[in-house]
């Protein structure tokens, strides 16, 4: 069952209506950046893995990201959220980035998109 912090695997995450100076929605650009971030132990991006629970973009260019990790003992627990923040901060129109790591609900393989499952040979 999906809720605000745990969307259906592979579903589009809801956000605010912020747009970039070039006219494109910042949310789409943020998601594109999230697809360039990988858990080094799993060859699938964090968005398709279902590690991103929420992206909120306000009209002033503030981006709030709620994400989790595959486990609290994940070796990139400190570096991955910093990578996400650093990459999103480079987007045109983004004025502020906050990345919050949450543990509830815990991540499970059910969070993965169909594309991620296919890529990992789980389908």
C-alpha atoms as a PDB file:
ATOM      1  CA  UNK A   1       0.000   0.000   0.000  1.00  0.00           C
ATOM      2  CA  UNK A   2       1.408   3.404  -0.924  1.00  0.00           C
ATOM      3  CA  UNK A   3       1.425   6.497   1.232  1.00  0.00           C
ATOM      4  CA  UNK A   4       3.124   9.895   1.119  1.00  0.00           C
ATOM      5  CA  UNK A   5       6.498   8.609   2.373  1.00  0.00           C
ATOM      6  CA  UNK A   6       6.380   5.259   0.650  1.00  0.00           C
ATOM      7  CA  UNK A   7       5.078   5.564  -2.922  1.00  0.00           C
ATOM      8  CA  UNK A   8       4.322   2.517  -5.046  1.00  0.00           C
ATOM      9  CA  UNK A   9       7.524   1.073  -6.546  1.00  0.00           C
ATOM     10  CA  UNK A  10       8.506   3.106  -9.579  1.00  0.00           C
ATOM     11  CA  UNK A  11       5.738   5.652  -9.097  1.00  0.00           C
ATOM     12  CA  UNK A  12       6.272   9.363  -9.664  1.00  0.00           C
ATOM     13  CA  UNK A  13       6.897  11.232  -6.421  1.00  0.00           C
ATOM     14  CA  UNK A  14       4.652  14.198  -5.719  1.00  0.00           C
ATOM     15  CA  UNK A  15       6.243  17.575  -5.174  1.00  0.00           C
ATOM     16  CA  UNK A  16       5.603  21.266  -5.122  1.00  0.00           C
ATOM     17  CA  UNK A  17       5.366  23.382  -8.238  1.00  0.00           C
ATOM     18  CA  UNK A  18       8.839  24.918  -8.384  1.00  0.00           C
ATOM     19  CA  UNK A  19      10.254  25.579 -11.821  1.00  0.00           C
ATOM     20  CA  UNK A  20      13.779  26.229 -12.999  1.00  0.00           C
ATOM     21  CA  UNK A  21      14.858  29.525 -14.583  1.00  0.00           C
ATOM     22  CA  UNK A  22      14.807  27.685 -17.905  1.00  0.00           C
ATOM     23  CA  UNK A  23      11.095  26.987 -17.474  1.00  0.00           C
ATOM     24  CA  UNK A  24      11.295  23.239 -16.755  1.00  0.00           C
ATOM     25  CA  UNK A  25       9.980  21.762 -13.535  1.00  0.00           C
ATOM     26  CA  UNK A  26      12.708  21.474 -10.921  1.00  0.00           C
ATOM     27  CA  UNK A  27      11.144  18.217  -9.687  1.00  0.00           C
ATOM     28  CA  UNK A  28      11.915  16.483 -12.993  1.00  0.00           C
ATOM     29  CA  UNK A  29      15.482  17.765 -12.876  1.00  0.00           C
ATOM     30  CA  UNK A  30      15.877  16.626  -9.253  1.00  0.00           C
ATOM     31  CA  UNK A  31      14.619  13.150 -10.147  1.00  0.00           C
ATOM     32  CA  UNK A  32      17.048  13.053 -13.060  1.00  0.00           C
ATOM     33  CA  UNK A  33      19.877  13.847 -10.648  1.00  0.00           C
ATOM     34  CA  UNK A  34      18.644  11.192  -8.199  1.00  0.00           C
ATOM     35  CA  UNK A  35      18.850   8.670 -11.026  1.00  0.00           C
ATOM     36  CA  UNK A  36      22.579   9.474 -11.248  1.00  0.00           C
ATOM     37  CA  UNK A  37      23.211   8.449  -7.623  1.00  0.00           C
ATOM     38  CA  UNK A  38      23.960   4.809  -6.875  1.00  0.00           C
ATOM     39  CA  UNK A  39      24.308   2.621  -3.845  1.00  0.00           C
ATOM     40  CA  UNK A  40      27.790   1.223  -4.603  1.00  0.00           C
ATOM     41  CA  UNK A  41      26.778  -2.302  -3.602  1.00  0.00           C
ATOM     42  CA  UNK A  42      23.748  -2.434  -5.927  1.00  0.00           C
ATOM     43  CA  UNK A  43      24.049  -1.453  -9.604  1.00  0.00           C
ATOM     44  CA  UNK A  44      20.723   0.412  -9.628  1.00  0.00           C
ATOM     45  CA  UNK A  45      20.136   4.115  -8.977  1.00  0.00           C
ATOM     46  CA  UNK A  46      18.626   5.182  -5.661  1.00  0.00           C
ATOM     47  CA  UNK A  47      15.395   6.402  -7.259  1.00  0.00           C
ATOM     48  CA  UNK A  48      14.602   3.059  -8.921  1.00  0.00           C
ATOM     49  CA  UNK A  49      15.704   1.224  -5.758  1.00  0.00           C
ATOM     50  CA  UNK A  50      12.926   3.052  -3.932  1.00  0.00           C
ATOM     51  CA  UNK A  51      15.286   4.751  -1.494  1.00  0.00           C
ATOM     52  CA  UNK A  52      13.695   8.146  -2.212  1.00  0.00           C
ATOM     53  CA  UNK A  53      10.498   8.534  -0.196  1.00  0.00           C
ATOM     54  CA  UNK A  54       9.689  12.126  -1.072  1.00  0.00           C
ATOM     55  CA  UNK A  55      10.777  15.175  -3.054  1.00  0.00           C
ATOM     56  CA  UNK A  56       9.232  18.543  -2.284  1.00  0.00           C
ATOM     57  CA  UNK A  57      10.135  21.633  -4.285  1.00  0.00           C
ATOM     58  CA  UNK A  58       8.707  25.008  -3.358  1.00  0.00           C
ATOM     59  CA  UNK A  59       8.329  28.002  -5.657  1.00  0.00           C
ATOM     60  CA  UNK A  60      11.394  29.647  -4.084  1.00  0.00           C
ATOM     61  CA  UNK A  61      13.711  26.829  -5.170  1.00  0.00           C
ATOM     62  CA  UNK A  62      13.976  25.039  -1.812  1.00  0.00           C
ATOM     63  CA  UNK A  63      14.225  21.273  -2.300  1.00  0.00           C
ATOM     64  CA  UNK A  64      13.459  18.853   0.532  1.00  0.00           C
ATOM     65  CA  UNK A  65      14.285  15.201  -0.033  1.00  0.00           C
ATOM     66  CA  UNK A  66      13.298  12.352   2.264  1.00  0.00           C
ATOM     67  CA  UNK A  67      15.239   9.205   1.623  1.00  0.00           C
ATOM     68  CA  UNK A  68      16.348   6.053   3.325  1.00  0.00           C
ATOM     69  CA  UNK A  69      19.129   3.519   2.905  1.00  0.00           C
ATOM     70  CA  UNK A  70      18.944  -0.230   2.444  1.00  0.00           C
ATOM     71  CA  UNK A  71      20.034  -0.658   6.084  1.00  0.00           C
ATOM     72  CA  UNK A  72      21.234   1.492   8.991  1.00  0.00           C
ATOM     73  CA  UNK A  73      24.662  -0.132   8.661  1.00  0.00           C
ATOM     74  CA  UNK A  74      24.949   0.804   4.971  1.00  0.00           C
ATOM     75  CA  UNK A  75      28.599   1.682   4.255  1.00  0.00           C
ATOM     76  CA  UNK A  76      27.559   4.902   2.474  1.00  0.00           C
ATOM     77  CA  UNK A  77      25.238   6.114   5.250  1.00  0.00           C
ATOM     78  CA  UNK A  78      27.243   9.293   5.616  1.00  0.00           C
ATOM     79  CA  UNK A  79      28.414   9.881   2.050  1.00  0.00           C
ATOM     80  CA  UNK A  80      25.311   9.078  -0.051  1.00  0.00           C
ATOM     81  CA  UNK A  81      23.029  11.775   1.421  1.00  0.00           C
ATOM     82  CA  UNK A  82      25.862  14.293   1.004  1.00  0.00           C
ATOM     83  CA  UNK A  83      26.286  13.220  -2.636  1.00  0.00           C
ATOM     84  CA  UNK A  84      22.551  13.675  -3.236  1.00  0.00           C
ATOM     85  CA  UNK A  85      22.597  17.136  -1.652  1.00  0.00           C
ATOM     86  CA  UNK A  86      25.705  18.196  -3.559  1.00  0.00           C
ATOM     87  CA  UNK A  87      24.363  17.090  -6.948  1.00  0.00           C
ATOM     88  CA  UNK A  88      20.894  18.614  -6.474  1.00  0.00           C
ATOM     89  CA  UNK A  89      22.428  21.898  -5.292  1.00  0.00           C
ATOM     90  CA  UNK A  90      24.045  22.355  -8.739  1.00  0.00           C
ATOM     91  CA  UNK A  91      20.689  22.519 -10.547  1.00  0.00           C
ATOM     92  CA  UNK A  92      19.593  25.896 -11.938  1.00  0.00           C
ATOM     93  CA  UNK A  93      16.844  27.386  -9.798  1.00  0.00           C
ATOM     94  CA  UNK A  94      17.709  25.391  -6.695  1.00  0.00           C
ATOM     95  CA  UNK A  95      18.391  27.788  -3.830  1.00  0.00           C
ATOM     96  CA  UNK A  96      18.455  25.391  -0.880  1.00  0.00           C
ATOM     97  CA  UNK A  97      18.636  21.614  -0.447  1.00  0.00           C
ATOM     98  CA  UNK A  98      17.766  19.576   2.628  1.00  0.00           C
ATOM     99  CA  UNK A  99      18.188  15.802   2.624  1.00  0.00           C
ATOM    100  CA  UNK A 100      16.620  13.922   5.508  1.00  0.00           C
ATOM    101  CA  UNK A 101      17.428  10.242   6.041  1.00  0.00           C
ATOM    102  CA  UNK A 102      14.470   8.441   7.581  1.00  0.00           C
ATOM    103  CA  UNK A 103      14.185   4.870   8.804  1.00  0.00           C
ATOM    104  CA  UNK A 104      10.421   4.599   9.049  1.00  0.00           C
ATOM    105  CA  UNK A 105       9.066   2.949   7.073  1.00  0.00           C
ATOM    106  CA  UNK A 106      12.063   0.673   6.659  1.00  0.00           C
ATOM    107  CA  UNK A 107      13.219  -0.021   3.121  1.00  0.00           C
ATOM    108  CA  UNK A 108      12.347  -3.408   1.638  1.00  0.00           C
ATOM    109  CA  UNK A 109      12.810  -4.915  -1.797  1.00  0.00           C
ATOM    110  CA  UNK A 110       9.111  -4.180  -2.370  1.00  0.00           C
ATOM    111  CA  UNK A 111      10.103  -0.501  -2.760  1.00  0.00           C
ATOM    112  CA  UNK A 112      12.040  -1.245  -5.962  1.00  0.00           C
ATOM    113  CA  UNK A 113      10.563  -0.372  -9.314  1.00  0.00           C
ATOM    114  CA  UNK A 114       9.874  -3.067 -11.884  1.00  0.00           C
ATOM    115  CA  UNK A 115      12.863  -1.764 -13.889  1.00  0.00           C
ATOM    116  CA  UNK A 116      15.154  -2.226 -10.872  1.00  0.00           C
ATOM    117  CA  UNK A 117      13.882  -5.754 -10.275  1.00  0.00           C
ATOM    118  CA  UNK A 118      14.410  -6.602 -13.931  1.00  0.00           C
ATOM    119  CA  UNK A 119      17.931  -5.159 -13.891  1.00  0.00           C
ATOM    120  CA  UNK A 120      18.791  -7.228 -10.790  1.00  0.00           C
ATOM    121  CA  UNK A 121      17.262 -10.398 -12.231  1.00  0.00           C
ATOM    122  CA  UNK A 122      14.467 -10.517  -9.670  1.00  0.00           C
ATOM    123  CA  UNK A 123      11.631 -10.836 -12.210  1.00  0.00           C
END
